[in-house]
Amino acid sequence: MEVAIVKYNAGNIFSVESALVRLGVRPLLTDDPTLLSSADCVLFPGQGEASGAMRYLREHGLDRVIPSLRQPVLGICIGQQLLCRHSEEGDTDCLGIFDAEVRRFAPTSSDDKIPAMGWNELTQLRTHLFSGLHEGDFVYFVHSYYVPLCEHTIAVADYVTPFSAAIHKDNFYATQFHPEKSGRVGERILSNFLEMASQPTTAKP
């Protein structure tokens, strides 16, 4: 199975690569449109700032390539946010796959530290991405911005306000949390995603 990771100017990509290697997969890190389109699945991870990331994607034509992908795609952290329509961070227009506005946390007390950093529990789990997991399982987050609850929400977390811990539309999945840093739970999520790519009904046409 060919697994590709989108190469762009966002940090933390190599930790995702390492997590996949632990699962027995050696991914290809690339920004080549042909290689991304021909892979069995694509991961779009990263940590960084939305406007700078989108600028890189546009300069390299990835703003056209990523929405055109037909195989399973998994966005992670800023990868989830960039798959949305718009981000408050830098007033940035994003890829528009999900019709959602990425918002900055607005603290309501001195206990609300931004960025939100640490373990938080998942609830309202839906889709095969969370097969074998349970309500209340914990995953690891680092973020100042979030996707509000919407029609695409498939997992919920709560910090300052309930928000979309994961979203899904067609062949696109995305998590605000870092599965590659989430121990056993994150490993199962990545395994579930790779399993989708191996199914004839979800693989690229």
N, C-alpha and C. Protein backbone atom coordinates (compact mmCIF):
# COMPACT_ATOMS: atom_id res chain seq x y z
N MET A 1 0.84 -1.20 0.00
CA MET A 1 0.00 0.00 0.00
C MET A 1 0.88 1.25 0.00
N GLU A 2 0.56 2.20 -0.87
CA GLU A 2 1.32 3.44 -0.96
C GLU A 2 0.64 4.52 -0.11
N VAL A 3 1.37 5.00 0.88
CA VAL A 3 0.88 6.03 1.79
C VAL A 3 1.73 7.28 1.61
N ALA A 4 1.08 8.42 1.35
CA ALA A 4 1.80 9.67 1.13
C ALA A 4 1.47 10.67 2.23
N ILE A 5 2.46 11.46 2.61
CA ILE A 5 2.29 12.58 3.54
C ILE A 5 2.55 13.86 2.76
N VAL A 6 1.64 14.82 2.85
CA VAL A 6 1.80 16.09 2.14
C VAL A 6 2.97 16.86 2.75
N LYS A 7 3.93 17.19 1.92
CA LYS A 7 5.10 17.95 2.35
C LYS A 7 4.83 19.43 2.13
N TYR A 8 4.86 20.20 3.21
CA TYR A 8 4.70 21.66 3.10
C TYR A 8 5.32 22.29 4.34
N ASN A 9 5.19 23.60 4.50
CA ASN A 9 5.92 24.31 5.55
C ASN A 9 5.18 24.28 6.89
N ALA A 10 4.87 23.09 7.36
CA ALA A 10 4.23 22.94 8.67
C ALA A 10 5.04 21.95 9.49
N GLY A 11 5.21 22.25 10.77
CA GLY A 11 5.99 21.38 11.63
C GLY A 11 5.28 20.09 11.98
N ASN A 12 6.00 19.21 12.64
CA ASN A 12 5.46 17.98 13.21
C ASN A 12 5.16 16.90 12.18
N ILE A 13 5.53 17.10 10.93
CA ILE A 13 5.26 16.09 9.92
C ILE A 13 6.04 14.81 10.19
N PHE A 14 7.26 14.94 10.69
CA PHE A 14 8.10 13.76 10.87
C PHE A 14 7.62 12.86 12.01
N SER A 15 6.90 13.43 12.99
CA SER A 15 6.35 12.57 14.05
C SER A 15 5.24 11.68 13.50
N VAL A 16 4.50 12.18 12.51
CA VAL A 16 3.50 11.35 11.85
C VAL A 16 4.18 10.24 11.06
N GLU A 17 5.24 10.61 10.36
CA GLU A 17 6.01 9.61 9.62
C GLU A 17 6.50 8.51 10.56
N SER A 18 7.02 8.88 11.71
CA SER A 18 7.52 7.89 12.68
C SER A 18 6.40 6.99 13.19
N ALA A 19 5.21 7.58 13.43
CA ALA A 19 4.08 6.78 13.92
C ALA A 19 3.66 5.74 12.88
N LEU A 20 3.70 6.11 11.60
CA LEU A 20 3.34 5.16 10.55
C LEU A 20 4.39 4.05 10.43
N VAL A 21 5.66 4.41 10.59
CA VAL A 21 6.72 3.39 10.55
C VAL A 21 6.50 2.37 11.67
N ARG A 22 6.08 2.84 12.84
CA ARG A 22 5.81 1.91 13.95
C ARG A 22 4.68 0.95 13.61
N LEU A 23 3.80 1.36 12.70
CA LEU A 23 2.69 0.51 12.26
C LEU A 23 3.09 -0.37 11.07
N GLY A 24 4.35 -0.30 10.68
CA GLY A 24 4.82 -1.13 9.58
C GLY A 24 4.68 -0.51 8.21
N VAL A 25 4.42 0.80 8.16
CA VAL A 25 4.24 1.50 6.89
C VAL A 25 5.37 2.51 6.71
N ARG A 26 5.96 2.53 5.52
CA ARG A 26 6.99 3.53 5.22
C ARG A 26 6.39 4.53 4.23
N PRO A 27 5.92 5.68 4.74
CA PRO A 27 5.22 6.64 3.87
C PRO A 27 6.19 7.42 3.00
N LEU A 28 5.64 8.02 1.97
CA LEU A 28 6.38 8.91 1.08
C LEU A 28 6.02 10.34 1.45
N LEU A 29 7.03 11.14 1.78
CA LEU A 29 6.83 12.55 2.09
C LEU A 29 7.05 13.34 0.80
N THR A 30 5.99 13.98 0.28
CA THR A 30 6.09 14.58 -1.05
C THR A 30 5.13 15.74 -1.24
N ASP A 31 5.51 16.67 -2.11
CA ASP A 31 4.58 17.71 -2.57
C ASP A 31 4.34 17.56 -4.07
N ASP A 32 4.69 16.40 -4.62
CA ASP A 32 4.51 16.13 -6.05
C ASP A 32 3.05 15.75 -6.32
N PRO A 33 2.33 16.52 -7.13
CA PRO A 33 0.91 16.24 -7.38
C PRO A 33 0.65 14.83 -7.90
N THR A 34 1.51 14.34 -8.78
CA THR A 34 1.31 13.01 -9.36
C THR A 34 1.43 11.94 -8.29
N LEU A 35 2.43 12.05 -7.43
CA LEU A 35 2.63 11.05 -6.38
C LEU A 35 1.50 11.11 -5.35
N LEU A 36 1.05 12.30 -5.02
CA LEU A 36 -0.07 12.42 -4.08
C LEU A 36 -1.34 11.81 -4.67
N SER A 37 -1.59 12.08 -5.93
CA SER A 37 -2.82 11.58 -6.56
C SER A 37 -2.82 10.07 -6.74
N SER A 38 -1.63 9.48 -6.88
CA SER A 38 -1.56 8.04 -7.13
C SER A 38 -1.45 7.21 -5.86
N ALA A 39 -1.25 7.84 -4.71
CA ALA A 39 -1.14 7.10 -3.45
C ALA A 39 -2.48 6.46 -3.07
N ASP A 40 -2.42 5.40 -2.28
CA ASP A 40 -3.64 4.75 -1.81
C ASP A 40 -4.34 5.57 -0.74
N CYS A 41 -3.58 6.34 0.03
CA CYS A 41 -4.15 7.28 1.00
C CYS A 41 -3.15 8.38 1.25
N VAL A 42 -3.64 9.50 1.76
CA VAL A 42 -2.82 10.69 1.96
C VAL A 42 -3.07 11.24 3.35
N LEU A 43 -1.99 11.58 4.05
CA LEU A 43 -2.08 12.27 5.33
C LEU A 43 -1.62 13.70 5.16
N PHE A 44 -2.36 14.62 5.80
CA PHE A 44 -2.12 16.06 5.68
C PHE A 44 -1.98 16.62 7.09
N PRO A 45 -0.82 16.41 7.73
CA PRO A 45 -0.63 16.81 9.12
C PRO A 45 0.01 18.19 9.22
N GLY A 46 0.38 18.58 10.43
CA GLY A 46 1.17 19.78 10.60
C GLY A 46 0.78 20.61 11.81
N GLN A 47 1.71 21.44 12.22
CA GLN A 47 1.49 22.49 13.20
C GLN A 47 2.05 23.77 12.59
N GLY A 48 1.37 24.88 12.78
CA GLY A 48 1.88 26.12 12.20
C GLY A 48 0.81 27.18 12.15
N GLU A 49 1.00 28.12 11.24
CA GLU A 49 0.13 29.29 11.12
C GLU A 49 -0.60 29.24 9.78
N ALA A 50 -1.88 29.51 9.82
CA ALA A 50 -2.75 29.23 8.67
C ALA A 50 -2.36 30.03 7.42
N SER A 51 -2.12 31.33 7.54
CA SER A 51 -1.89 32.12 6.34
C SER A 51 -0.58 31.73 5.65
N GLY A 52 0.47 31.48 6.44
CA GLY A 52 1.73 31.05 5.85
C GLY A 52 1.62 29.69 5.21
N ALA A 53 0.89 28.79 5.84
CA ALA A 53 0.71 27.45 5.27
C ALA A 53 -0.07 27.52 3.96
N MET A 54 -1.14 28.32 3.94
CA MET A 54 -1.92 28.43 2.70
C MET A 54 -1.11 29.09 1.59
N ARG A 55 -0.28 30.03 1.94
CA ARG A 55 0.57 30.67 0.93
C ARG A 55 1.48 29.63 0.27
N TYR A 56 2.08 28.77 1.07
CA TYR A 56 2.93 27.71 0.53
C TYR A 56 2.13 26.77 -0.37
N LEU A 57 0.95 26.37 0.11
CA LEU A 57 0.12 25.45 -0.68
C LEU A 57 -0.22 26.06 -2.04
N ARG A 58 -0.57 27.34 -2.05
CA ARG A 58 -0.92 27.99 -3.32
C ARG A 58 0.30 28.11 -4.24
N GLU A 59 1.44 28.47 -3.67
CA GLU A 59 2.65 28.63 -4.49
C GLU A 59 3.08 27.33 -5.15
N HIS A 60 2.73 26.20 -4.52
CA HIS A 60 3.13 24.90 -5.05
C HIS A 60 1.98 24.15 -5.71
N GLY A 61 0.85 24.82 -5.90
CA GLY A 61 -0.29 24.20 -6.57
C GLY A 61 -1.02 23.17 -5.75
N LEU A 62 -0.67 23.04 -4.47
CA LEU A 62 -1.30 22.02 -3.63
C LEU A 62 -2.72 22.42 -3.22
N ASP A 63 -3.05 23.71 -3.35
CA ASP A 63 -4.42 24.15 -3.06
C ASP A 63 -5.40 23.60 -4.08
N ARG A 64 -4.90 23.20 -5.25
CA ARG A 64 -5.75 22.56 -6.27
C ARG A 64 -5.66 21.03 -6.17
N VAL A 65 -4.51 20.53 -5.81
CA VAL A 65 -4.30 19.08 -5.76
C VAL A 65 -5.09 18.44 -4.62
N ILE A 66 -4.98 19.00 -3.43
CA ILE A 66 -5.58 18.35 -2.26
C ILE A 66 -7.09 18.21 -2.40
N PRO A 67 -7.85 19.24 -2.79
CA PRO A 67 -9.30 19.06 -2.94
C PRO A 67 -9.66 18.05 -4.03
N SER A 68 -8.75 17.80 -4.96
CA SER A 68 -9.05 16.88 -6.07
C SER A 68 -8.82 15.42 -5.71
N LEU A 69 -8.23 15.14 -4.55
CA LEU A 69 -7.90 13.77 -4.19
C LEU A 69 -9.18 12.96 -3.97
N ARG A 70 -9.16 11.71 -4.40
CA ARG A 70 -10.33 10.85 -4.30
C ARG A 70 -10.11 9.65 -3.39
N GLN A 71 -8.88 9.45 -2.95
CA GLN A 71 -8.60 8.38 -2.00
C GLN A 71 -8.82 8.90 -0.57
N PRO A 72 -8.78 8.04 0.45
CA PRO A 72 -8.92 8.53 1.82
C PRO A 72 -7.81 9.54 2.17
N VAL A 73 -8.23 10.65 2.76
CA VAL A 73 -7.31 11.71 3.17
C VAL A 73 -7.55 11.98 4.65
N LEU A 74 -6.47 12.12 5.42
CA LEU A 74 -6.59 12.42 6.85
C LEU A 74 -5.82 13.69 7.17
N GLY A 75 -6.54 14.76 7.52
CA GLY A 75 -5.91 15.99 7.99
C GLY A 75 -5.70 15.90 9.49
N ILE A 76 -4.60 16.47 9.97
CA ILE A 76 -4.27 16.43 11.39
C ILE A 76 -3.87 17.83 11.85
N CYS A 77 -4.47 18.29 12.94
CA CYS A 77 -4.18 19.59 13.58
C CYS A 77 -4.41 20.72 12.58
N ILE A 78 -3.37 21.46 12.18
CA ILE A 78 -3.63 22.53 11.22
C ILE A 78 -4.10 21.96 9.89
N GLY A 79 -3.78 20.70 9.62
CA GLY A 79 -4.31 20.05 8.43
C GLY A 79 -5.83 20.02 8.44
N GLN A 80 -6.43 19.78 9.61
CA GLN A 80 -7.89 19.85 9.72
C GLN A 80 -8.37 21.26 9.43
N GLN A 81 -7.73 22.24 10.03
CA GLN A 81 -8.19 23.63 9.88
C GLN A 81 -8.07 24.11 8.44
N LEU A 82 -6.99 23.72 7.76
CA LEU A 82 -6.80 24.15 6.38
C LEU A 82 -7.78 23.51 5.42
N LEU A 83 -8.39 22.39 5.81
CA LEU A 83 -9.41 21.76 4.97
C LEU A 83 -10.74 22.51 5.04
N CYS A 84 -10.85 23.46 5.98
CA CYS A 84 -12.09 24.21 6.14
C CYS A 84 -12.14 25.41 5.19
N ARG A 85 -13.25 26.14 5.24
CA ARG A 85 -13.48 27.25 4.32
C ARG A 85 -12.64 28.47 4.65
N HIS A 86 -12.53 28.81 5.93
CA HIS A 86 -11.88 30.05 6.34
C HIS A 86 -11.38 29.91 7.76
N SER A 87 -10.28 30.59 8.07
CA SER A 87 -9.75 30.61 9.43
C SER A 87 -9.63 32.04 9.93
N GLU A 88 -9.99 32.25 11.19
CA GLU A 88 -9.78 33.56 11.81
C GLU A 88 -8.30 33.88 11.94
N GLU A 89 -7.45 32.87 11.92
CA GLU A 89 -6.01 33.11 12.03
C GLU A 89 -5.50 33.77 10.76
N GLY A 90 -5.17 35.05 10.86
CA GLY A 90 -4.71 35.79 9.69
C GLY A 90 -5.79 36.06 8.67
N ASP A 91 -7.07 35.90 9.07
CA ASP A 91 -8.20 36.12 8.15
C ASP A 91 -7.94 35.39 6.83
N THR A 92 -7.77 34.06 6.94
CA THR A 92 -7.24 33.25 5.84
C THR A 92 -8.32 32.42 5.17
N ASP A 93 -8.43 32.54 3.86
CA ASP A 93 -9.26 31.61 3.08
C ASP A 93 -8.49 30.31 2.92
N CYS A 94 -9.15 29.19 3.22
CA CYS A 94 -8.49 27.90 3.20
C CYS A 94 -8.99 27.06 2.03
N LEU A 95 -8.94 25.74 2.14
CA LEU A 95 -9.20 24.87 0.99
C LEU A 95 -10.69 24.67 0.70
N GLY A 96 -11.55 24.89 1.69
CA GLY A 96 -12.99 24.88 1.44
C GLY A 96 -13.64 23.53 1.27
N ILE A 97 -12.98 22.47 1.67
CA ILE A 97 -13.59 21.14 1.57
C ILE A 97 -14.72 21.01 2.59
N PHE A 98 -14.49 21.53 3.78
CA PHE A 98 -15.54 21.58 4.81
C PHE A 98 -16.04 23.03 4.91
N ASP A 99 -17.34 23.19 4.88
CA ASP A 99 -17.93 24.52 4.99
C ASP A 99 -17.99 24.90 6.46
N ALA A 100 -16.83 25.31 7.00
CA ALA A 100 -16.74 25.64 8.42
C ALA A 100 -15.75 26.78 8.59
N GLU A 101 -15.99 27.60 9.60
CA GLU A 101 -15.13 28.73 9.95
C GLU A 101 -14.29 28.33 11.15
N VAL A 102 -12.96 28.35 11.01
CA VAL A 102 -12.06 28.04 12.11
C VAL A 102 -11.94 29.26 13.01
N ARG A 103 -12.19 29.07 14.30
CA ARG A 103 -12.24 30.19 15.24
C ARG A 103 -11.15 30.08 16.30
N ARG A 104 -10.78 31.21 16.86
CA ARG A 104 -9.82 31.23 17.96
C ARG A 104 -10.57 31.06 19.28
N PHE A 105 -10.02 30.28 20.18
CA PHE A 105 -10.60 30.14 21.50
C PHE A 105 -10.70 31.51 22.17
N ALA A 106 -11.83 31.78 22.82
CA ALA A 106 -12.03 33.01 23.58
C ALA A 106 -12.14 32.63 25.05
N PRO A 107 -11.07 32.74 25.81
CA PRO A 107 -11.08 32.30 27.21
C PRO A 107 -12.18 32.99 28.02
N THR A 108 -12.80 32.23 28.91
CA THR A 108 -13.84 32.78 29.76
C THR A 108 -13.41 32.88 31.22
N SER A 109 -12.22 32.34 31.53
CA SER A 109 -11.69 32.43 32.90
C SER A 109 -10.17 32.33 32.84
N SER A 110 -9.54 32.62 33.99
CA SER A 110 -8.08 32.55 34.06
C SER A 110 -7.56 31.13 33.92
N ASP A 111 -8.44 30.14 34.06
CA ASP A 111 -8.04 28.74 33.91
C ASP A 111 -7.95 28.32 32.44
N ASP A 112 -8.49 29.14 31.56
CA ASP A 112 -8.49 28.79 30.13
C ASP A 112 -7.19 29.26 29.48
N LYS A 113 -6.23 28.37 29.40
CA LYS A 113 -4.93 28.71 28.84
C LYS A 113 -4.94 28.46 27.33
N ILE A 114 -4.40 29.42 26.59
CA ILE A 114 -4.31 29.31 25.13
C ILE A 114 -2.83 29.42 24.75
N PRO A 115 -2.30 28.46 24.00
CA PRO A 115 -3.01 27.36 23.36
C PRO A 115 -3.48 26.29 24.35
N ALA A 116 -4.54 25.59 23.96
CA ALA A 116 -4.98 24.42 24.70
C ALA A 116 -3.96 23.32 24.45
N MET A 117 -3.39 22.80 25.51
CA MET A 117 -2.31 21.83 25.35
C MET A 117 -2.47 20.72 26.37
N GLY A 118 -2.56 19.48 25.89
CA GLY A 118 -2.64 18.36 26.79
C GLY A 118 -3.70 17.35 26.36
N TRP A 119 -4.01 16.44 27.28
CA TRP A 119 -4.93 15.34 27.00
C TRP A 119 -6.37 15.78 27.25
N ASN A 120 -7.26 15.35 26.36
CA ASN A 120 -8.68 15.66 26.50
C ASN A 120 -9.47 14.47 25.98
N GLU A 121 -10.69 14.32 26.49
CA GLU A 121 -11.46 13.14 26.12
C GLU A 121 -12.33 13.37 24.90
N LEU A 122 -12.59 12.29 24.20
CA LEU A 122 -13.44 12.30 23.01
C LEU A 122 -14.82 11.75 23.36
N THR A 123 -15.85 12.37 22.79
CA THR A 123 -17.22 11.87 22.94
C THR A 123 -17.92 11.92 21.59
N GLN A 124 -19.09 11.29 21.53
CA GLN A 124 -19.95 11.29 20.35
C GLN A 124 -19.18 10.78 19.11
N LEU A 125 -18.52 9.64 19.28
CA LEU A 125 -17.69 9.08 18.22
C LEU A 125 -18.54 8.47 17.12
N ARG A 126 -18.18 8.77 15.87
CA ARG A 126 -18.88 8.23 14.71
C ARG A 126 -17.87 7.85 13.64
N THR A 127 -18.28 6.97 12.77
CA THR A 127 -17.55 6.47 11.61
C THR A 127 -16.49 5.44 12.01
N HIS A 128 -16.02 4.72 11.00
CA HIS A 128 -15.03 3.65 11.20
C HIS A 128 -13.70 4.19 11.71
N LEU A 129 -13.44 5.48 11.57
CA LEU A 129 -12.18 6.03 12.07
C LEU A 129 -11.99 5.73 13.55
N PHE A 130 -13.09 5.59 14.30
CA PHE A 130 -13.02 5.36 15.74
C PHE A 130 -13.43 3.94 16.13
N SER A 131 -13.41 3.03 15.18
CA SER A 131 -13.74 1.64 15.47
C SER A 131 -12.81 1.09 16.55
N GLY A 132 -13.41 0.41 17.54
CA GLY A 132 -12.63 -0.18 18.61
C GLY A 132 -12.31 0.76 19.76
N LEU A 133 -12.72 2.03 19.65
CA LEU A 133 -12.49 2.99 20.72
C LEU A 133 -13.77 3.20 21.52
N HIS A 134 -13.66 3.96 22.59
CA HIS A 134 -14.78 4.12 23.51
C HIS A 134 -15.01 5.59 23.84
N GLU A 135 -16.24 5.91 24.16
CA GLU A 135 -16.56 7.24 24.66
C GLU A 135 -15.66 7.55 25.86
N GLY A 136 -15.05 8.70 25.86
CA GLY A 136 -14.21 9.10 26.98
C GLY A 136 -12.74 8.74 26.82
N ASP A 137 -12.37 8.09 25.72
CA ASP A 137 -10.94 7.86 25.46
C ASP A 137 -10.24 9.20 25.30
N PHE A 138 -8.98 9.25 25.74
CA PHE A 138 -8.22 10.50 25.74
C PHE A 138 -7.22 10.54 24.58
N VAL A 139 -7.08 11.75 24.02
CA VAL A 139 -6.10 12.01 22.96
C VAL A 139 -5.40 13.33 23.26
N TYR A 140 -4.34 13.61 22.50
CA TYR A 140 -3.48 14.75 22.81
C TYR A 140 -3.71 15.91 21.84
N PHE A 141 -3.92 17.11 22.42
CA PHE A 141 -4.19 18.33 21.64
C PHE A 141 -3.12 19.39 21.90
N VAL A 142 -2.83 20.18 20.87
CA VAL A 142 -2.07 21.43 21.00
C VAL A 142 -2.66 22.39 19.97
N HIS A 143 -3.45 23.38 20.40
CA HIS A 143 -4.07 24.28 19.42
C HIS A 143 -4.67 25.51 20.09
N SER A 144 -4.67 26.60 19.32
CA SER A 144 -5.30 27.85 19.75
C SER A 144 -6.60 28.11 19.00
N TYR A 145 -6.79 27.41 17.88
CA TYR A 145 -7.96 27.58 17.03
C TYR A 145 -8.71 26.25 16.96
N TYR A 146 -9.99 26.32 16.61
CA TYR A 146 -10.82 25.11 16.62
C TYR A 146 -11.90 25.20 15.55
N VAL A 147 -12.42 24.05 15.18
CA VAL A 147 -13.56 23.98 14.27
C VAL A 147 -14.82 23.81 15.11
N PRO A 148 -15.78 24.70 15.02
CA PRO A 148 -17.01 24.56 15.79
C PRO A 148 -17.77 23.28 15.42
N LEU A 149 -18.71 22.89 16.27
CA LEU A 149 -19.57 21.76 15.95
C LEU A 149 -20.35 22.07 14.68
N CYS A 150 -20.46 21.08 13.81
CA CYS A 150 -21.13 21.29 12.53
C CYS A 150 -21.66 19.96 12.01
N GLU A 151 -22.24 19.97 10.83
CA GLU A 151 -22.82 18.76 10.27
C GLU A 151 -21.77 17.69 9.99
N HIS A 152 -20.50 18.07 9.91
CA HIS A 152 -19.44 17.13 9.59
C HIS A 152 -18.76 16.55 10.83
N THR A 153 -19.17 16.98 12.02
CA THR A 153 -18.52 16.55 13.26
C THR A 153 -18.71 15.04 13.48
N ILE A 154 -17.60 14.34 13.75
CA ILE A 154 -17.68 12.90 14.05
C ILE A 154 -17.05 12.56 15.40
N ALA A 155 -16.53 13.57 16.10
CA ALA A 155 -16.06 13.40 17.47
C ALA A 155 -16.03 14.77 18.11
N VAL A 156 -16.35 14.82 19.39
CA VAL A 156 -16.46 16.09 20.11
C VAL A 156 -15.49 16.10 21.28
N ALA A 157 -14.85 17.24 21.51
CA ALA A 157 -14.09 17.49 22.73
C ALA A 157 -14.56 18.82 23.30
N ASP A 158 -14.19 19.10 24.55
CA ASP A 158 -14.67 20.31 25.21
C ASP A 158 -13.50 21.02 25.88
N TYR A 159 -13.22 22.23 25.43
CA TYR A 159 -12.26 23.12 26.08
C TYR A 159 -12.73 24.54 25.81
N VAL A 160 -13.11 25.26 26.83
CA VAL A 160 -13.76 26.56 26.73
C VAL A 160 -15.17 26.39 26.15
N THR A 161 -15.28 25.64 25.06
CA THR A 161 -16.57 25.35 24.41
C THR A 161 -16.48 23.98 23.75
N PRO A 162 -17.59 23.28 23.58
CA PRO A 162 -17.52 22.04 22.79
C PRO A 162 -17.09 22.37 21.36
N PHE A 163 -16.24 21.53 20.79
CA PHE A 163 -15.75 21.76 19.43
C PHE A 163 -15.55 20.44 18.70
N SER A 164 -15.29 20.54 17.41
CA SER A 164 -15.11 19.35 16.58
C SER A 164 -13.70 18.79 16.79
N ALA A 165 -13.61 17.68 17.49
CA ALA A 165 -12.33 17.00 17.63
C ALA A 165 -11.98 16.27 16.34
N ALA A 166 -13.00 15.93 15.55
CA ALA A 166 -12.78 15.29 14.25
C ALA A 166 -13.97 15.58 13.35
N ILE A 167 -13.71 15.64 12.05
CA ILE A 167 -14.75 15.90 11.06
C ILE A 167 -14.58 14.95 9.88
N HIS A 168 -15.66 14.81 9.10
CA HIS A 168 -15.62 13.88 7.96
C HIS A 168 -16.58 14.36 6.88
N LYS A 169 -16.12 14.27 5.64
CA LYS A 169 -16.96 14.51 4.47
C LYS A 169 -16.39 13.71 3.31
N ASP A 170 -17.22 12.83 2.76
CA ASP A 170 -16.80 12.00 1.63
C ASP A 170 -15.52 11.24 1.98
N ASN A 171 -14.44 11.41 1.22
CA ASN A 171 -13.20 10.69 1.48
C ASN A 171 -12.24 11.46 2.39
N PHE A 172 -12.70 12.61 2.90
CA PHE A 172 -11.85 13.44 3.75
C PHE A 172 -12.21 13.27 5.23
N TYR A 173 -11.20 12.92 6.01
CA TYR A 173 -11.31 12.84 7.47
C TYR A 173 -10.30 13.81 8.06
N ALA A 174 -10.57 14.30 9.25
CA ALA A 174 -9.60 15.21 9.87
C ALA A 174 -9.78 15.20 11.38
N THR A 175 -8.66 15.34 12.09
CA THR A 175 -8.68 15.39 13.55
C THR A 175 -7.96 16.65 14.02
N GLN A 176 -8.51 17.32 15.02
CA GLN A 176 -7.81 18.45 15.62
C GLN A 176 -6.67 17.96 16.50
N PHE A 177 -6.85 16.82 17.11
CA PHE A 177 -5.83 16.24 17.99
C PHE A 177 -4.75 15.54 17.17
N HIS A 178 -3.70 15.15 17.85
CA HIS A 178 -2.56 14.48 17.22
C HIS A 178 -2.62 12.97 17.50
N PRO A 179 -3.11 12.17 16.57
CA PRO A 179 -3.11 10.72 16.82
C PRO A 179 -1.71 10.16 17.00
N GLU A 180 -0.73 10.77 16.33
CA GLU A 180 0.65 10.26 16.43
C GLU A 180 1.26 10.50 17.80
N LYS A 181 0.60 11.33 18.64
CA LYS A 181 1.08 11.60 19.99
C LYS A 181 0.10 11.09 21.05
N SER A 182 -0.86 10.27 20.62
CA SER A 182 -1.96 9.88 21.50
C SER A 182 -1.92 8.42 21.92
N GLY A 183 -0.73 7.84 21.95
CA GLY A 183 -0.56 6.50 22.49
C GLY A 183 -1.38 5.45 21.78
N ARG A 184 -1.93 4.51 22.57
CA ARG A 184 -2.70 3.38 22.03
C ARG A 184 -3.91 3.85 21.24
N VAL A 185 -4.61 4.87 21.75
CA VAL A 185 -5.81 5.36 21.08
C VAL A 185 -5.45 5.94 19.71
N GLY A 186 -4.42 6.76 19.66
CA GLY A 186 -4.02 7.34 18.39
C GLY A 186 -3.53 6.29 17.41
N GLU A 187 -2.83 5.29 17.90
CA GLU A 187 -2.36 4.22 17.03
C GLU A 187 -3.53 3.48 16.40
N ARG A 188 -4.59 3.27 17.18
CA ARG A 188 -5.77 2.59 16.63
C ARG A 188 -6.44 3.46 15.57
N ILE A 189 -6.50 4.76 15.77
CA ILE A 189 -7.10 5.65 14.79
C ILE A 189 -6.32 5.62 13.48
N LEU A 190 -5.00 5.68 13.56
CA LEU A 190 -4.19 5.60 12.35
C LEU A 190 -4.36 4.25 11.66
N SER A 191 -4.44 3.18 12.44
CA SER A 191 -4.66 1.85 11.87
C SER A 191 -6.01 1.77 11.16
N ASN A 192 -7.04 2.37 11.78
CA ASN A 192 -8.36 2.37 11.16
C ASN A 192 -8.33 3.14 9.84
N PHE A 193 -7.60 4.24 9.82
CA PHE A 193 -7.51 5.03 8.58
C PHE A 193 -6.80 4.23 7.49
N LEU A 194 -5.71 3.59 7.84
CA LEU A 194 -4.99 2.78 6.84
C LEU A 194 -5.86 1.63 6.34
N GLU A 195 -6.69 1.10 7.22
CA GLU A 195 -7.58 0.02 6.82
C GLU A 195 -8.59 0.50 5.78
N MET A 196 -9.06 1.74 5.91
CA MET A 196 -9.97 2.30 4.91
C MET A 196 -9.33 2.28 3.53
N ALA A 197 -8.05 2.62 3.47
CA ALA A 197 -7.36 2.70 2.20
C ALA A 197 -7.22 1.34 1.54
N SER A 198 -7.26 0.29 2.35
CA SER A 198 -7.11 -1.05 1.80
C SER A 198 -8.42 -1.65 1.32
N GLN A 199 -9.54 -0.94 1.55
CA GLN A 199 -10.85 -1.45 1.16
C GLN A 199 -11.19 -0.98 -0.25
N PRO A 200 -11.62 -1.88 -1.13
CA PRO A 200 -11.93 -1.48 -2.50
C PRO A 200 -12.98 -0.38 -2.61
N THR A 201 -13.90 -0.32 -1.64
CA THR A 201 -14.98 0.66 -1.71
C THR A 201 -14.53 2.06 -1.34
N THR A 202 -13.39 2.19 -0.65
CA THR A 202 -12.93 3.50 -0.22
C THR A 202 -11.63 3.91 -0.89
N ALA A 203 -11.02 3.00 -1.59
CA ALA A 203 -9.76 3.34 -2.26
C ALA A 203 -10.04 4.24 -3.46
N LYS A 204 -9.00 4.86 -3.95
CA LYS A 204 -9.16 5.76 -5.08
C LYS A 204 -9.72 5.02 -6.29
N PRO A 205 -10.52 5.66 -7.16
CA PRO A 205 -11.10 4.99 -8.32
C PRO A 205 -10.04 4.68 -9.37
